[in-house]
Amino acid sequence: MNESASSAPSGPSPFAPRTLGQILDRTYRLMRTHLRLLLGIAAVPSAAILLIVAAVMGFMLIAIGPQLAGKTATPPVFPAGFWVALVFIYVISPLVYVLYMPAACYAATQADLGVTVTFLQAYGVAWRRFGRFLWLMILCSLFVIVPLVVVAALVGLTALLLHNVVGPDGMFLLVPLLVLLYLAFAVYCVLILLRFALVFPACVAEELTAWASLKRSAKLTQGAKGRIFLALLLVYAITYVVTMVCVLVLFVLAALVALVAILVHVSEGSPAFYILIGLGIFGYLLSIAISILVTYAAYTTALGVLYNDQRLRKDGLLPAPAQAGGIV
């Protein structure tokens, strides 16, 4: 996973504010030049998600296996491990995300400055300040969760008042209110995500506290939310097309394998049948892995480029390159 100082150059990093096209071009060039490093860093959350998905699917297969084999018609009973795996999704995934974001943002911001860091150096930065990054993620989440709880409480109180005043038949009056609240909350979430889009790059590059990082991101994104939104939207569209092409290729291969299985008369419940089922599950997990790897790497690289660009626009300077790593 290490990228040496002799890596191929990723092109000059112009010390001037970039246009939207230049940001996308710079993101692409960094992805192409540092592909192994960026995908290697993204492999950590990808592997965690795949292990959890594989565990859940394994428990599901154990539960519904007898039905697939035609041995029983009773409803499936999921083992305790299935529910434990579901709980782990909500515990392990955020912790892995807390490690990944600063590591990926550190690698991306440094690569944009012409400095190559290694996989271990990137995750070393994330690990040394793990508590700070965890608190940063919690603070960002609270900006979404607290308003959601308040709105839910208000909706519940309104529903109770309507029920007492007009009775159950008047509850349909809540439908327009719920639609408006949903749209308003969706807009609020987008604005919050854009306001705090650069919290992790700022926290890593400037070694700020969690609360100072929130303020710093708010300052850096001021007046630039539309441009940041459009840049991330285009990155999403491009990565979506790439992942869909990969998934399409896997589906075509799966269809060809299924056709061959039909032609050679593979019977349901035979060993070959279960082998093909296993290959299908593997292909599904592989498509998930490709999607996660490409999307995560592209997004964090774009955030690194946007952070450096916004810092140059707001402060008139770029962050100092890290001492670790080699100059590209």
Protein backbone atom coordinates (compact mmCIF):
# COMPACT_ATOMS: atom_id res chain seq x y z
CA MET A 1 0.00 0.00 0.00
CA ASN A 2 3.01 2.30 0.25
CA GLU A 3 3.54 4.97 -2.35
CA SER A 4 7.18 5.84 -2.77
CA ALA A 5 8.59 9.25 -3.43
CA SER A 6 9.40 8.15 -6.95
CA SER A 7 5.74 7.88 -7.92
CA ALA A 8 4.71 9.36 -11.24
CA PRO A 9 3.88 13.03 -10.96
CA SER A 10 0.23 13.94 -10.64
CA GLY A 11 0.62 17.17 -12.56
CA PRO A 12 1.31 20.63 -11.26
CA SER A 13 -0.78 22.00 -8.42
CA PRO A 14 -1.55 25.55 -9.59
CA PHE A 15 -1.37 28.13 -6.82
CA ALA A 16 -4.47 29.95 -8.00
CA PRO A 17 -8.21 29.43 -7.41
CA ARG A 18 -9.58 26.71 -9.64
CA THR A 19 -12.69 26.58 -11.76
CA LEU A 20 -15.17 23.74 -11.40
CA GLY A 21 -13.67 21.98 -14.41
CA GLN A 22 -10.16 22.31 -12.99
CA ILE A 23 -11.30 20.83 -9.66
CA LEU A 24 -12.79 17.82 -11.41
CA ASP A 25 -9.69 17.46 -13.60
CA ARG A 26 -7.40 17.69 -10.57
CA THR A 27 -9.47 15.06 -8.74
CA TYR A 28 -9.22 12.73 -11.72
CA ARG A 29 -5.46 13.23 -12.05
CA LEU A 30 -4.87 12.54 -8.36
CA MET A 31 -7.09 9.44 -8.51
CA ARG A 32 -5.19 8.15 -11.53
CA THR A 33 -1.72 8.83 -10.14
CA HIS A 34 -2.36 7.72 -6.54
CA LEU A 35 -4.91 5.01 -7.34
CA ARG A 36 -3.25 2.28 -5.27
CA LEU A 37 -2.90 4.50 -2.23
CA LEU A 38 -6.40 5.99 -2.36
CA LEU A 39 -8.11 2.67 -3.05
CA GLY A 40 -5.96 1.04 -0.38
CA ILE A 41 -7.14 3.57 2.20
CA ALA A 42 -10.74 3.11 1.05
CA ALA A 43 -10.32 -0.68 1.31
CA VAL A 44 -10.55 -0.45 5.12
CA PRO A 45 -14.19 0.73 5.33
CA SER A 46 -15.01 -1.37 2.30
CA ALA A 47 -13.67 -4.52 3.98
CA ALA A 48 -15.55 -3.72 7.20
CA ILE A 49 -18.82 -3.25 5.33
CA LEU A 50 -18.29 -6.41 3.30
CA LEU A 51 -17.57 -8.48 6.41
CA ILE A 52 -20.75 -7.23 8.05
CA VAL A 53 -22.83 -7.83 4.91
CA ALA A 54 -21.30 -11.29 4.49
CA ALA A 55 -22.09 -12.12 8.13
CA VAL A 56 -25.69 -10.97 7.78
CA MET A 57 -26.13 -12.89 4.52
CA GLY A 58 -24.53 -15.97 6.07
CA PHE A 59 -26.95 -15.93 8.99
CA MET A 60 -29.84 -15.39 6.59
CA LEU A 61 -28.71 -18.35 4.49
CA ILE A 62 -28.57 -20.52 7.62
CA ALA A 63 -32.11 -19.45 8.49
CA ILE A 64 -33.66 -19.94 5.04
CA GLY A 65 -31.38 -22.78 3.90
CA PRO A 66 -33.83 -25.54 4.88
CA GLN A 67 -36.58 -23.81 2.89
CA LEU A 68 -34.34 -23.52 -0.16
CA ALA A 69 -33.59 -27.21 0.07
CA GLY A 70 -37.31 -27.99 0.43
CA LYS A 71 -36.86 -29.62 3.81
CA THR A 72 -39.30 -27.40 5.71
CA ALA A 73 -42.13 -24.98 5.07
CA THR A 74 -42.04 -23.29 8.46
CA PRO A 75 -41.12 -19.60 8.69
CA PRO A 76 -37.35 -19.06 9.09
CA VAL A 77 -35.94 -18.41 12.55
CA PHE A 78 -32.94 -16.12 12.52
CA PRO A 79 -30.16 -17.04 14.95
CA ALA A 80 -28.98 -14.64 17.63
CA GLY A 81 -25.82 -13.95 15.64
CA PHE A 82 -27.93 -12.31 12.94
CA TRP A 83 -29.18 -9.68 15.34
CA VAL A 84 -25.70 -9.24 16.81
CA ALA A 85 -24.38 -8.56 13.30
CA LEU A 86 -27.09 -5.94 12.79
CA VAL A 87 -26.09 -4.22 16.03
CA PHE A 88 -22.43 -4.26 14.95
CA ILE A 89 -23.41 -2.40 11.79
CA TYR A 90 -24.43 0.58 13.90
CA VAL A 91 -21.39 0.35 16.17
CA ILE A 92 -18.43 -0.71 14.04
CA SER A 93 -19.30 1.16 10.83
CA PRO A 94 -19.17 4.66 12.39
CA LEU A 95 -15.89 3.84 14.14
CA VAL A 96 -14.32 2.68 10.88
CA TYR A 97 -15.66 5.80 9.19
CA VAL A 98 -14.04 7.96 11.86
CA LEU A 99 -10.68 6.37 11.04
CA TYR A 100 -11.15 6.47 7.29
CA MET A 101 -12.21 10.09 6.75
CA PRO A 102 -9.16 11.81 8.31
CA ALA A 103 -6.78 9.28 6.75
CA ALA A 104 -8.24 9.73 3.28
CA CYS A 105 -8.51 13.53 3.59
CA TYR A 106 -4.91 13.72 4.81
CA ALA A 107 -3.67 11.67 1.85
CA ALA A 108 -5.78 13.70 -0.61
CA THR A 109 -4.80 17.16 0.66
CA GLN A 110 -1.12 16.23 0.71
CA ALA A 111 -1.27 14.65 -2.75
CA ASP A 112 -2.86 17.84 -4.06
CA LEU A 113 0.12 19.76 -2.66
CA GLY A 114 2.54 17.41 -4.42
CA VAL A 115 3.40 15.25 -1.40
CA THR A 116 3.00 11.48 -1.36
CA VAL A 117 2.23 9.85 1.99
CA THR A 118 1.91 6.16 2.70
CA PHE A 119 -1.02 4.04 3.81
CA LEU A 120 0.45 3.68 7.31
CA GLN A 121 1.22 7.38 7.60
CA ALA A 122 -2.34 8.31 6.63
CA TYR A 123 -3.94 5.95 9.13
CA GLY A 124 -1.33 6.88 11.71
CA VAL A 125 -2.56 10.47 11.57
CA ALA A 126 -6.14 9.26 12.00
CA TRP A 127 -5.28 6.94 14.89
CA ARG A 128 -3.29 9.49 16.89
CA ARG A 129 -6.28 11.86 17.01
CA PHE A 130 -9.02 9.23 17.01
CA GLY A 131 -10.85 10.74 19.99
CA ARG A 132 -10.92 14.16 18.36
CA PHE A 133 -12.26 12.79 15.08
CA LEU A 134 -14.87 10.71 16.91
CA TRP A 135 -16.10 13.80 18.76
CA LEU A 136 -16.14 15.70 15.47
CA MET A 137 -18.39 13.08 13.90
CA ILE A 138 -20.69 13.15 16.94
CA LEU A 139 -20.99 16.95 16.75
CA CYS A 140 -21.82 16.78 13.04
CA SER A 141 -24.44 14.12 13.74
CA LEU A 142 -26.01 16.21 16.50
CA PHE A 143 -26.68 19.03 14.05
CA VAL A 144 -28.96 16.59 12.22
CA ILE A 145 -30.32 14.49 15.07
CA VAL A 146 -31.33 17.30 17.45
CA PRO A 147 -33.53 19.16 14.90
CA LEU A 148 -35.01 15.82 13.84
CA VAL A 149 -35.97 15.00 17.43
CA VAL A 150 -37.46 18.47 17.93
CA VAL A 151 -39.50 18.22 14.72
CA ALA A 152 -40.67 14.70 15.62
CA ALA A 153 -41.78 15.94 19.05
CA LEU A 154 -43.68 18.84 17.50
CA VAL A 155 -45.37 16.52 15.00
CA GLY A 156 -46.34 14.16 17.81
CA LEU A 157 -47.76 17.02 19.87
CA THR A 158 -49.70 18.33 16.86
CA ALA A 159 -51.09 14.87 16.18
CA LEU A 160 -52.20 14.55 19.78
CA LEU A 161 -53.95 17.94 19.69
CA LEU A 162 -55.70 17.11 16.40
CA HIS A 163 -56.82 13.77 17.77
CA ASN A 164 -58.32 15.43 20.84
CA VAL A 165 -59.94 18.34 18.92
CA VAL A 166 -61.22 16.83 15.65
CA GLY A 167 -60.91 13.13 16.39
CA PRO A 168 -59.23 10.34 14.39
CA ASP A 169 -60.93 11.42 11.15
CA GLY A 170 -59.04 14.71 11.18
CA MET A 171 -55.61 13.10 11.26
CA PHE A 172 -55.38 13.34 7.46
CA LEU A 173 -54.70 17.06 8.02
CA LEU A 174 -51.21 16.02 9.12
CA VAL A 175 -50.32 14.70 5.65
CA PRO A 176 -49.54 18.09 4.02
CA LEU A 177 -47.66 19.14 7.15
CA LEU A 178 -45.56 15.97 7.09
CA VAL A 179 -44.75 16.46 3.40
CA LEU A 180 -43.65 20.06 3.99
CA LEU A 181 -41.59 19.08 7.04
CA TYR A 182 -39.93 16.27 5.09
CA LEU A 183 -38.95 18.61 2.26
CA ALA A 184 -37.75 21.29 4.69
CA PHE A 185 -35.68 18.77 6.64
CA ALA A 186 -34.15 17.38 3.43
CA VAL A 187 -33.08 20.89 2.40
CA TYR A 188 -31.72 21.52 5.91
CA CYS A 189 -29.67 18.30 5.80
CA VAL A 190 -28.17 19.24 2.43
CA LEU A 191 -27.23 22.69 3.72
CA ILE A 192 -25.68 21.23 6.88
CA LEU A 193 -23.70 18.68 4.87
CA LEU A 194 -22.40 21.46 2.62
CA ARG A 195 -21.62 23.73 5.58
CA PHE A 196 -19.55 21.00 7.22
CA ALA A 197 -18.22 19.39 4.03
CA LEU A 198 -14.64 20.42 4.82
CA VAL A 199 -14.53 19.63 8.55
CA PHE A 200 -12.28 16.59 8.26
CA PRO A 201 -9.76 18.15 5.83
CA ALA A 202 -9.62 21.26 8.03
CA CYS A 203 -9.26 19.25 11.23
CA VAL A 204 -6.44 17.16 9.77
CA ALA A 205 -4.54 19.82 7.82
CA GLU A 206 -4.74 22.57 10.46
CA GLU A 207 -4.78 20.31 13.55
CA LEU A 208 -7.89 22.03 14.89
CA THR A 209 -10.17 20.88 17.67
CA ALA A 210 -13.54 19.39 16.72
CA TRP A 211 -15.52 22.55 17.47
CA ALA A 212 -12.95 24.79 15.77
CA SER A 213 -13.12 22.52 12.71
CA LEU A 214 -16.87 23.09 12.46
CA LYS A 215 -16.33 26.85 12.55
CA ARG A 216 -13.48 26.60 10.07
CA SER A 217 -15.55 24.57 7.60
CA ALA A 218 -18.42 27.04 7.92
CA LYS A 219 -16.03 29.87 7.05
CA LEU A 220 -14.40 28.03 4.16
CA THR A 221 -17.73 27.04 2.59
CA GLN A 222 -19.31 30.47 2.99
CA GLY A 223 -20.38 31.70 -0.43
CA ALA A 224 -19.18 28.47 -2.08
CA LYS A 225 -21.88 25.96 -1.14
CA GLY A 226 -23.36 25.93 -4.63
CA ARG A 227 -20.00 25.23 -6.25
CA ILE A 228 -19.17 22.54 -3.71
CA PHE A 229 -22.59 20.95 -4.19
CA LEU A 230 -22.19 20.90 -7.96
CA ALA A 231 -18.66 19.49 -7.74
CA LEU A 232 -19.71 16.66 -5.40
CA LEU A 233 -22.82 16.00 -7.49
CA LEU A 234 -20.71 15.61 -10.62
CA VAL A 235 -18.26 13.35 -8.77
CA TYR A 236 -21.22 11.24 -7.65
CA ALA A 237 -22.57 11.05 -11.21
CA ILE A 238 -19.20 9.98 -12.60
CA THR A 239 -18.58 7.35 -9.91
CA TYR A 240 -22.14 6.12 -10.32
CA VAL A 241 -21.59 5.52 -14.04
CA VAL A 242 -18.28 3.74 -13.34
CA THR A 243 -19.79 1.46 -10.69
CA MET A 244 -22.86 0.75 -12.83
CA VAL A 245 -20.62 -0.33 -15.71
CA CYS A 246 -18.76 -2.68 -13.36
CA VAL A 247 -22.02 -4.06 -11.97
CA LEU A 248 -23.38 -4.52 -15.49
CA VAL A 249 -20.30 -6.54 -16.44
CA LEU A 250 -20.78 -8.74 -13.37
CA PHE A 251 -24.47 -9.23 -14.18
CA VAL A 252 -23.65 -10.23 -17.76
CA LEU A 253 -21.14 -12.77 -16.46
CA ALA A 254 -23.74 -14.07 -13.96
CA ALA A 255 -26.31 -14.40 -16.74
CA LEU A 256 -23.85 -16.36 -18.89
CA VAL A 257 -23.04 -18.67 -15.97
CA ALA A 258 -26.77 -19.19 -15.31
CA LEU A 259 -27.34 -19.98 -18.99
CA VAL A 260 -24.55 -22.55 -18.97
CA ALA A 261 -26.00 -24.07 -15.78
CA ILE A 262 -29.40 -24.45 -17.46
CA LEU A 263 -27.85 -26.01 -20.57
CA VAL A 264 -25.96 -28.62 -18.55
CA HIS A 265 -29.07 -29.29 -16.41
CA VAL A 266 -27.79 -28.28 -12.98
CA SER A 267 -30.53 -29.45 -10.61
CA GLU A 268 -31.79 -27.43 -7.65
CA GLY A 269 -30.25 -28.64 -4.38
CA SER A 270 -27.23 -30.24 -6.04
CA PRO A 271 -23.66 -29.36 -4.97
CA ALA A 272 -23.16 -27.46 -8.23
CA PHE A 273 -26.30 -25.45 -7.49
CA TYR A 274 -24.96 -24.29 -4.12
CA ILE A 275 -21.56 -23.53 -5.65
CA LEU A 276 -23.25 -21.26 -8.18
CA ILE A 277 -25.25 -19.62 -5.41
CA GLY A 278 -21.99 -18.97 -3.56
CA LEU A 279 -20.41 -17.49 -6.69
CA GLY A 280 -23.45 -15.27 -7.13
CA ILE A 281 -23.12 -13.99 -3.56
CA PHE A 282 -19.41 -13.41 -4.12
CA GLY A 283 -20.15 -11.43 -7.28
CA TYR A 284 -22.72 -9.37 -5.40
CA LEU A 285 -20.23 -8.59 -2.64
CA LEU A 286 -17.61 -7.76 -5.26
CA SER A 287 -19.94 -5.24 -6.89
CA ILE A 288 -20.52 -3.65 -3.47
CA ALA A 289 -16.77 -3.49 -2.89
CA ILE A 290 -16.13 -1.82 -6.24
CA SER A 291 -18.86 0.73 -5.61
CA ILE A 292 -17.58 1.58 -2.12
CA LEU A 293 -13.94 1.78 -3.16
CA VAL A 294 -14.49 4.05 -6.14
CA THR A 295 -17.07 6.27 -4.43
CA TYR A 296 -15.19 6.74 -1.17
CA ALA A 297 -11.86 7.41 -2.87
CA ALA A 298 -13.36 9.88 -5.35
CA TYR A 299 -15.32 11.80 -2.72
CA THR A 300 -12.48 12.21 -0.26
CA THR A 301 -10.07 13.18 -3.04
CA ALA A 302 -12.53 15.81 -4.25
CA LEU A 303 -12.91 17.10 -0.68
CA GLY A 304 -9.13 17.42 -0.38
CA VAL A 305 -8.94 19.40 -3.61
CA LEU A 306 -11.90 21.59 -2.62
CA TYR A 307 -10.38 22.26 0.80
CA ASN A 308 -7.07 23.44 -0.66
CA ASP A 309 -8.91 25.54 -3.22
CA GLN A 310 -11.18 27.18 -0.64
CA ARG A 311 -8.27 27.86 1.69
CA LEU A 312 -6.46 29.57 -1.15
CA ARG A 313 -9.57 31.63 -1.92
CA LYS A 314 -10.27 32.62 1.69
CA ASP A 315 -6.76 32.94 3.15
CA GLY A 316 -4.68 33.59 0.06
CA LEU A 317 -2.38 30.66 0.91
CA LEU A 318 -2.24 26.89 0.88
CA PRO A 319 -1.53 24.67 3.88
CA ALA A 320 2.11 23.74 4.38
CA PRO A 321 2.97 20.28 3.02
CA ALA A 322 3.56 17.54 5.58
CA GLN A 323 7.12 16.59 6.42
CA ALA A 324 6.41 12.87 6.00
CA GLY A 325 6.37 11.45 2.53
CA GLY A 326 8.29 12.32 -0.55
CA ILE A 327 7.86 15.30 -2.80
CA VAL A 328 6.27 14.24 -6.04
